[in-house]
């Protein structure tokens, strides 16, 4: 997924703490958010991210899709992706 984004520069640790070195802002994400964010950083497709979530968290494809779209909506709201 090519998102023309700022997320490539983010640092994320195993606990889900995310730091933006350009702005100095930080936030945390849950385990689902961490998987989505790391996948977006790799430019994975939405379909690939949904599959990862269904495999790792026993979500239905519909739940995973809703999670991905909601997370992307939040990233856009914070101008981390466009």
PDB file of N, CA and C in Angstrom:
ATOM      1  N   UNK A   1       0.851  -1.169   0.000  1.00  0.00           N
ATOM      2  CA  UNK A   1       0.000   0.000   0.000  1.00  0.00           C
ATOM      3  C   UNK A   1       0.895   1.229   0.000  1.00  0.00           C
ATOM      4  N   UNK A   2       0.834   1.982  -1.054  1.00  0.00           N
ATOM      5  CA  UNK A   2       1.619   3.207  -1.135  1.00  0.00           C
ATOM      6  C   UNK A   2       0.779   4.326  -0.539  1.00  0.00           C
ATOM      7  N   UNK A   3       1.216   4.849   0.576  1.00  0.00           N
ATOM      8  CA  UNK A   3       0.412   5.834   1.288  1.00  0.00           C
ATOM      9  C   UNK A   3       1.001   7.236   1.251  1.00  0.00           C
ATOM     10  N   UNK A   4       2.125   7.450   0.533  1.00  0.00           N
ATOM     11  CA  UNK A   4       2.773   8.761   0.501  1.00  0.00           C
ATOM     12  C   UNK A   4       2.774   9.356   1.907  1.00  0.00           C
ATOM     13  N   UNK A   5       3.531   8.754   2.779  1.00  0.00           N
ATOM     14  CA  UNK A   5       3.372   9.017   4.186  1.00  0.00           C
ATOM     15  C   UNK A   5       4.642   9.432   4.898  1.00  0.00           C
ATOM     16  N   UNK A   6       4.441   9.790   6.146  1.00  0.00           N
ATOM     17  CA  UNK A   6       5.539  10.125   7.043  1.00  0.00           C
ATOM     18  C   UNK A   6       5.881   8.957   7.960  1.00  0.00           C
ATOM     19  N   UNK A   7       5.181   7.840   7.847  1.00  0.00           N
ATOM     20  CA  UNK A   7       5.374   6.769   8.814  1.00  0.00           C
ATOM     21  C   UNK A   7       6.699   6.044   8.664  1.00  0.00           C
ATOM     22  N   UNK A   8       7.335   6.157   7.510  1.00  0.00           N
ATOM     23  CA  UNK A   8       8.598   5.440   7.301  1.00  0.00           C
ATOM     24  C   UNK A   8       9.669   5.868   8.296  1.00  0.00           C
ATOM     25  N   UNK A   9       9.573   7.060   8.805  1.00  0.00           N
ATOM     26  CA  UNK A   9      10.596   7.545   9.739  1.00  0.00           C
ATOM     27  C   UNK A   9      10.274   7.245  11.202  1.00  0.00           C
ATOM     28  N   UNK A  10       9.086   6.734  11.484  1.00  0.00           N
ATOM     29  CA  UNK A  10       8.699   6.464  12.860  1.00  0.00           C
ATOM     30  C   UNK A  10       9.521   5.337  13.463  1.00  0.00           C
ATOM     31  N   UNK A  11       9.754   5.435  14.747  1.00  0.00           N
ATOM     32  CA  UNK A  11      10.395   4.345  15.500  1.00  0.00           C
ATOM     33  C   UNK A  11       9.312   3.721  16.370  1.00  0.00           C
ATOM     34  N   UNK A  12       9.254   2.396  16.373  1.00  0.00           N
ATOM     35  CA  UNK A  12       8.255   1.695  17.170  1.00  0.00           C
ATOM     36  C   UNK A  12       8.943   0.569  17.928  1.00  0.00           C
ATOM     37  N   UNK A  13       8.646   0.453  19.219  1.00  0.00           N
ATOM     38  CA  UNK A  13       9.259  -0.633  19.984  1.00  0.00           C
ATOM     39  C   UNK A  13       8.256  -1.766  20.180  1.00  0.00           C
ATOM     40  N   UNK A  14       8.700  -2.828  20.809  1.00  0.00           N
ATOM     41  CA  UNK A  14       7.870  -4.022  20.968  1.00  0.00           C
ATOM     42  C   UNK A  14       6.650  -3.792  21.850  1.00  0.00           C
ATOM     43  N   UNK A  15       6.694  -2.796  22.714  1.00  0.00           N
ATOM     44  CA  UNK A  15       5.548  -2.500  23.576  1.00  0.00           C
ATOM     45  C   UNK A  15       4.511  -1.626  22.893  1.00  0.00           C
ATOM     46  N   UNK A  16       4.808  -1.153  21.676  1.00  0.00           N
ATOM     47  CA  UNK A  16       3.868  -0.328  20.941  1.00  0.00           C
ATOM     48  C   UNK A  16       4.062   1.164  21.140  1.00  0.00           C
ATOM     49  N   UNK A  17       5.192   1.558  21.702  1.00  0.00           N
ATOM     50  CA  UNK A  17       5.508   2.981  21.844  1.00  0.00           C
ATOM     51  C   UNK A  17       6.057   3.459  20.511  1.00  0.00           C
ATOM     52  N   UNK A  18       5.472   4.530  19.976  1.00  0.00           N
ATOM     53  CA  UNK A  18       5.848   5.046  18.660  1.00  0.00           C
ATOM     54  C   UNK A  18       6.382   6.464  18.840  1.00  0.00           C
ATOM     55  N   UNK A  19       7.499   6.743  18.199  1.00  0.00           N
ATOM     56  CA  UNK A  19       8.142   8.050  18.296  1.00  0.00           C
ATOM     57  C   UNK A  19       8.403   8.594  16.905  1.00  0.00           C
ATOM     58  N   UNK A  20       8.037   9.861  16.693  1.00  0.00           N
ATOM     59  CA  UNK A  20       8.309  10.555  15.440  1.00  0.00           C
ATOM     60  C   UNK A  20       9.494  11.481  15.678  1.00  0.00           C
ATOM     61  N   UNK A  21      10.679  11.134  15.176  1.00  0.00           N
ATOM     62  CA  UNK A  21      11.870  11.946  15.451  1.00  0.00           C
ATOM     63  C   UNK A  21      11.828  13.336  14.808  1.00  0.00           C
ATOM     64  N   UNK A  22      11.023  13.501  13.776  1.00  0.00           N
ATOM     65  CA  UNK A  22      10.952  14.802  13.122  1.00  0.00           C
ATOM     66  C   UNK A  22      10.180  15.813  13.963  1.00  0.00           C
ATOM     67  N   UNK A  23       9.089  15.369  14.584  1.00  0.00           N
ATOM     68  CA  UNK A  23       8.253  16.286  15.355  1.00  0.00           C
ATOM     69  C   UNK A  23       8.460  16.175  16.857  1.00  0.00           C
ATOM     70  N   UNK A  24       9.040  15.069  17.299  1.00  0.00           N
ATOM     71  CA  UNK A  24       9.203  14.825  18.733  1.00  0.00           C
ATOM     72  C   UNK A  24       7.956  14.255  19.379  1.00  0.00           C
ATOM     73  N   UNK A  25       6.909  14.037  18.595  1.00  0.00           N
ATOM     74  CA  UNK A  25       5.663  13.487  19.125  1.00  0.00           C
ATOM     75  C   UNK A  25       5.793  11.985  19.346  1.00  0.00           C
ATOM     76  N   UNK A  26       5.037  11.501  20.312  1.00  0.00           N
ATOM     77  CA  UNK A  26       5.011  10.065  20.564  1.00  0.00           C
ATOM     78  C   UNK A  26       3.589   9.648  20.893  1.00  0.00           C
ATOM     79  N   UNK A  27       3.310   8.371  20.685  1.00  0.00           N
ATOM     80  CA  UNK A  27       2.016   7.801  21.009  1.00  0.00           C
ATOM     81  C   UNK A  27       2.193   6.306  21.170  1.00  0.00           C
ATOM     82  N   UNK A  28       1.182   5.651  21.653  1.00  0.00           N
ATOM     83  CA  UNK A  28       1.235   4.201  21.793  1.00  0.00           C
ATOM     84  C   UNK A  28       0.129   3.570  20.955  1.00  0.00           C
ATOM     85  N   UNK A  29       0.395   2.344  20.541  1.00  0.00           N
ATOM     86  CA  UNK A  29      -0.596   1.560  19.814  1.00  0.00           C
ATOM     87  C   UNK A  29      -0.713   0.199  20.491  1.00  0.00           C
ATOM     88  N   UNK A  30      -1.870  -0.426  20.341  1.00  0.00           N
ATOM     89  CA  UNK A  30      -2.033  -1.777  20.870  1.00  0.00           C
ATOM     90  C   UNK A  30      -1.398  -2.776  19.904  1.00  0.00           C
ATOM     91  N   UNK A  31      -1.518  -4.052  20.214  1.00  0.00           N
ATOM     92  CA  UNK A  31      -0.862  -5.080  19.395  1.00  0.00           C
ATOM     93  C   UNK A  31      -1.376  -5.080  17.956  1.00  0.00           C
ATOM     94  N   UNK A  32      -2.671  -4.893  17.785  1.00  0.00           N
ATOM     95  CA  UNK A  32      -3.236  -4.825  16.435  1.00  0.00           C
ATOM     96  C   UNK A  32      -2.686  -3.621  15.693  1.00  0.00           C
ATOM     97  N   UNK A  33      -2.661  -2.486  16.353  1.00  0.00           N
ATOM     98  CA  UNK A  33      -2.121  -1.276  15.748  1.00  0.00           C
ATOM     99  C   UNK A  33      -0.659  -1.417  15.384  1.00  0.00           C
ATOM    100  N   UNK A  34       0.086  -2.121  16.218  1.00  0.00           N
ATOM    101  CA  UNK A  34       1.509  -2.333  15.945  1.00  0.00           C
ATOM    102  C   UNK A  34       1.696  -3.152  14.667  1.00  0.00           C
ATOM    103  N   UNK A  35       0.904  -4.191  14.507  1.00  0.00           N
ATOM    104  CA  UNK A  35       0.988  -5.016  13.296  1.00  0.00           C
ATOM    105  C   UNK A  35       0.634  -4.175  12.072  1.00  0.00           C
ATOM    106  N   UNK A  36      -0.440  -3.398  12.172  1.00  0.00           N
ATOM    107  CA  UNK A  36      -0.867  -2.568  11.039  1.00  0.00           C
ATOM    108  C   UNK A  36       0.205  -1.541  10.705  1.00  0.00           C
ATOM    109  N   UNK A  37       0.723  -0.852  11.716  1.00  0.00           N
ATOM    110  CA  UNK A  37       1.724   0.186  11.484  1.00  0.00           C
ATOM    111  C   UNK A  37       2.986  -0.387  10.856  1.00  0.00           C
ATOM    112  N   UNK A  38       3.481  -1.498  11.382  1.00  0.00           N
ATOM    113  CA  UNK A  38       4.689  -2.107  10.810  1.00  0.00           C
ATOM    114  C   UNK A  38       4.449  -2.555   9.370  1.00  0.00           C
ATOM    115  N   UNK A  39       3.256  -3.069   9.100  1.00  0.00           N
ATOM    116  CA  UNK A  39       2.926  -3.489   7.735  1.00  0.00           C
ATOM    117  C   UNK A  39       2.878  -2.291   6.798  1.00  0.00           C
ATOM    118  N   UNK A  40       2.294  -1.194   7.264  1.00  0.00           N
ATOM    119  CA  UNK A  40       2.258   0.012   6.436  1.00  0.00           C
ATOM    120  C   UNK A  40       3.665   0.555   6.199  1.00  0.00           C
ATOM    121  N   UNK A  41       4.522   0.436   7.187  1.00  0.00           N
ATOM    122  CA  UNK A  41       5.910   0.888   7.035  1.00  0.00           C
ATOM    123  C   UNK A  41       6.629   0.077   5.960  1.00  0.00           C
ATOM    124  N   UNK A  42       6.201  -1.180   5.770  1.00  0.00           N
ATOM    125  CA  UNK A  42       6.777  -2.039   4.720  1.00  0.00           C
ATOM    126  C   UNK A  42       6.048  -1.869   3.391  1.00  0.00           C
ATOM    127  N   UNK A  43       5.013  -1.037   3.366  1.00  0.00           N
ATOM    128  CA  UNK A  43       4.173  -0.836   2.182  1.00  0.00           C
ATOM    129  C   UNK A  43       3.396  -2.085   1.799  1.00  0.00           C
ATOM    130  N   UNK A  44       3.004  -2.889   2.799  1.00  0.00           N
ATOM    131  CA  UNK A  44       2.160  -4.057   2.537  1.00  0.00           C
ATOM    132  C   UNK A  44       0.798  -3.593   2.022  1.00  0.00           C
ATOM    133  N   UNK A  45       0.160  -4.428   1.246  1.00  0.00           N
ATOM    134  CA  UNK A  45      -1.178  -4.124   0.736  1.00  0.00           C
ATOM    135  C   UNK A  45      -2.205  -4.270   1.861  1.00  0.00           C
ATOM    136  N   UNK A  46      -3.357  -3.651   1.668  1.00  0.00           N
ATOM    137  CA  UNK A  46      -4.427  -3.783   2.658  1.00  0.00           C
ATOM    138  C   UNK A  46      -4.829  -5.245   2.818  1.00  0.00           C
ATOM    139  N   UNK A  47      -4.885  -5.970   1.728  1.00  0.00           N
ATOM    140  CA  UNK A  47      -5.255  -7.384   1.784  1.00  0.00           C
ATOM    141  C   UNK A  47      -4.247  -8.183   2.611  1.00  0.00           C
ATOM    142  N   UNK A  48      -2.981  -7.882   2.437  1.00  0.00           N
ATOM    143  CA  UNK A  48      -1.937  -8.553   3.205  1.00  0.00           C
ATOM    144  C   UNK A  48      -2.057  -8.242   4.692  1.00  0.00           C
ATOM    145  N   UNK A  49      -2.351  -6.995   5.015  1.00  0.00           N
ATOM    146  CA  UNK A  49      -2.491  -6.601   6.420  1.00  0.00           C
ATOM    147  C   UNK A  49      -3.696  -7.305   7.045  1.00  0.00           C
ATOM    148  N   UNK A  50      -4.783  -7.371   6.307  1.00  0.00           N
ATOM    149  CA  UNK A  50      -5.981  -8.067   6.801  1.00  0.00           C
ATOM    150  C   UNK A  50      -5.662  -9.528   7.078  1.00  0.00           C
ATOM    151  N   UNK A  51      -4.959 -10.164   6.176  1.00  0.00           N
ATOM    152  CA  UNK A  51      -4.576 -11.568   6.363  1.00  0.00           C
ATOM    153  C   UNK A  51      -3.698 -11.734   7.604  1.00  0.00           C
ATOM    154  N   UNK A  52      -2.736 -10.833   7.787  1.00  0.00           N
ATOM    155  CA  UNK A  52      -1.874 -10.897   8.972  1.00  0.00           C
ATOM    156  C   UNK A  52      -2.695 -10.814  10.256  1.00  0.00           C
ATOM    157  N   UNK A  53      -3.669  -9.904  10.273  1.00  0.00           N
ATOM    158  CA  UNK A  53      -4.495  -9.748  11.468  1.00  0.00           C
ATOM    159  C   UNK A  53      -5.364 -10.973  11.723  1.00  0.00           C
ATOM    160  N   UNK A  54      -5.929 -11.539  10.662  1.00  0.00           N
ATOM    161  CA  UNK A  54      -6.783 -12.716  10.857  1.00  0.00           C
ATOM    162  C   UNK A  54      -5.966 -13.894  11.372  1.00  0.00           C
ATOM    163  N   UNK A  55      -4.727 -14.015  10.923  1.00  0.00           N
ATOM    164  CA  UNK A  55      -3.873 -15.110  11.371  1.00  0.00           C
ATOM    165  C   UNK A  55      -3.348 -14.899  12.793  1.00  0.00           C
ATOM    166  N   UNK A  56      -2.983 -13.685  13.131  1.00  0.00           N
ATOM    167  CA  UNK A  56      -2.352 -13.429  14.429  1.00  0.00           C
ATOM    168  C   UNK A  56      -3.345 -13.236  15.568  1.00  0.00           C
ATOM    169  N   UNK A  57      -4.551 -12.756  15.256  1.00  0.00           N
ATOM    170  CA  UNK A  57      -5.482 -12.408  16.322  1.00  0.00           C
ATOM    171  C   UNK A  57      -6.825 -13.123  16.227  1.00  0.00           C
ATOM    172  N   UNK A  58      -6.938 -14.088  15.359  1.00  0.00           N
ATOM    173  CA  UNK A  58      -8.175 -14.859  15.190  1.00  0.00           C
ATOM    174  C   UNK A  58      -9.384 -13.943  14.958  1.00  0.00           C
ATOM    175  N   UNK A  59      -9.187 -12.935  14.130  1.00  0.00           N
ATOM    176  CA  UNK A  59     -10.266 -12.031  13.747  1.00  0.00           C
ATOM    177  C   UNK A  59     -10.907 -12.530  12.459  1.00  0.00           C
ATOM    178  N   UNK A  60     -12.156 -12.178  12.276  1.00  0.00           N
ATOM    179  CA  UNK A  60     -12.778 -12.455  10.982  1.00  0.00           C
ATOM    180  C   UNK A  60     -12.207 -11.455   9.977  1.00  0.00           C
ATOM    181  N   UNK A  61     -12.246 -11.780   8.693  1.00  0.00           N
ATOM    182  CA  UNK A  61     -11.776 -10.812   7.696  1.00  0.00           C
ATOM    183  C   UNK A  61     -12.503  -9.473   7.785  1.00  0.00           C
ATOM    184  N   UNK A  62     -13.793  -9.499   8.119  1.00  0.00           N
ATOM    185  CA  UNK A  62     -14.551  -8.254   8.236  1.00  0.00           C
ATOM    186  C   UNK A  62     -14.063  -7.418   9.416  1.00  0.00           C
ATOM    187  N   UNK A  63     -13.785  -8.061  10.544  1.00  0.00           N
ATOM    188  CA  UNK A  63     -13.263  -7.340  11.711  1.00  0.00           C
ATOM    189  C   UNK A  63     -11.889  -6.756  11.406  1.00  0.00           C
ATOM    190  N   UNK A  64     -11.045  -7.559  10.762  1.00  0.00           N
ATOM    191  CA  UNK A  64      -9.696  -7.104  10.430  1.00  0.00           C
ATOM    192  C   UNK A  64      -9.752  -5.925   9.464  1.00  0.00           C
ATOM    193  N   UNK A  65     -10.617  -6.012   8.474  1.00  0.00           N
ATOM    194  CA  UNK A  65     -10.753  -4.916   7.510  1.00  0.00           C
ATOM    195  C   UNK A  65     -11.218  -3.640   8.210  1.00  0.00           C
ATOM    196  N   UNK A  66     -12.170  -3.764   9.107  1.00  0.00           N
ATOM    197  CA  UNK A  66     -12.654  -2.596   9.848  1.00  0.00           C
ATOM    198  C   UNK A  66     -11.539  -1.996  10.701  1.00  0.00           C
ATOM    199  N   UNK A  67     -10.740  -2.860  11.344  1.00  0.00           N
ATOM    200  CA  UNK A  67      -9.615  -2.378  12.156  1.00  0.00           C
ATOM    201  C   UNK A  67      -8.602  -1.630  11.298  1.00  0.00           C
ATOM    202  N   UNK A  68      -8.271  -2.186  10.139  1.00  0.00           N
ATOM    203  CA  UNK A  68      -7.294  -1.553   9.251  1.00  0.00           C
ATOM    204  C   UNK A  68      -7.807  -0.199   8.778  1.00  0.00           C
ATOM    205  N   UNK A  69      -9.029  -0.159   8.336  1.00  0.00           N
ATOM    206  CA  UNK A  69      -9.585   1.104   7.828  1.00  0.00           C
ATOM    207  C   UNK A  69      -9.702   2.154   8.926  1.00  0.00           C
ATOM    208  N   UNK A  70     -10.076   1.743  10.130  1.00  0.00           N
ATOM    209  CA  UNK A  70     -10.173   2.679  11.254  1.00  0.00           C
ATOM    210  C   UNK A  70      -8.789   3.218  11.619  1.00  0.00           C
ATOM    211  N   UNK A  71      -7.799   2.340  11.653  1.00  0.00           N
ATOM    212  CA  UNK A  71      -6.438   2.749  11.996  1.00  0.00           C
ATOM    213  C   UNK A  71      -5.897   3.723  10.945  1.00  0.00           C
ATOM    214  N   UNK A  72      -6.122   3.415   9.677  1.00  0.00           N
ATOM    215  CA  UNK A  72      -5.671   4.304   8.594  1.00  0.00           C
ATOM    216  C   UNK A  72      -6.376   5.656   8.691  1.00  0.00           C
ATOM    217  N   UNK A  73      -7.644   5.635   9.043  1.00  0.00           N
ATOM    218  CA  UNK A  73      -8.375   6.891   9.235  1.00  0.00           C
ATOM    219  C   UNK A  73      -7.698   7.754  10.305  1.00  0.00           C
ATOM    220  N   UNK A  74      -7.296   7.133  11.406  1.00  0.00           N
ATOM    221  CA  UNK A  74      -6.613   7.867  12.474  1.00  0.00           C
ATOM    222  C   UNK A  74      -5.251   8.380  12.011  1.00  0.00           C
ATOM    223  N   UNK A  75      -4.517   7.569  11.259  1.00  0.00           N
ATOM    224  CA  UNK A  75      -3.220   8.022  10.749  1.00  0.00           C
ATOM    225  C   UNK A  75      -3.394   9.225   9.832  1.00  0.00           C
ATOM    226  N   UNK A  76      -4.434   9.209   9.020  1.00  0.00           N
ATOM    227  CA  UNK A  76      -4.707  10.360   8.144  1.00  0.00           C
ATOM    228  C   UNK A  76      -5.081  11.587   8.969  1.00  0.00           C
ATOM    229  N   UNK A  77      -5.871  11.396  10.008  1.00  0.00           N
ATOM    230  CA  UNK A  77      -6.276  12.517  10.858  1.00  0.00           C
ATOM    231  C   UNK A  77      -5.064  13.188  11.502  1.00  0.00           C
ATOM    232  N   UNK A  78      -4.049  12.387  11.820  1.00  0.00           N
ATOM    233  CA  UNK A  78      -2.816  12.931  12.410  1.00  0.00           C
ATOM    234  C   UNK A  78      -1.770  13.273  11.358  1.00  0.00           C
ATOM    235  N   UNK A  79      -2.190  13.210  10.091  1.00  0.00           N
ATOM    236  CA  UNK A  79      -1.339  13.563   8.950  1.00  0.00           C
ATOM    237  C   UNK A  79      -0.057  12.732   8.875  1.00  0.00           C
ATOM    238  N   UNK A  80      -0.151  11.476   9.303  1.00  0.00           N
ATOM    239  CA  UNK A  80       0.988  10.574   9.162  1.00  0.00           C
ATOM    240  C   UNK A  80       0.970   9.868   7.814  1.00  0.00           C
ATOM    241  N   UNK A  81      -0.211   9.779   7.221  1.00  0.00           N
ATOM    242  CA  UNK A  81      -0.332   9.297   5.838  1.00  0.00           C
ATOM    243  C   UNK A  81      -1.330  10.207   5.128  1.00  0.00           C
ATOM    244  N   UNK A  82      -1.266  10.188   3.805  1.00  0.00           N
ATOM    245  CA  UNK A  82      -2.119  11.076   3.014  1.00  0.00           C
ATOM    246  C   UNK A  82      -2.964  10.279   2.057  1.00  0.00           C
TER     247      UNK A  82
END
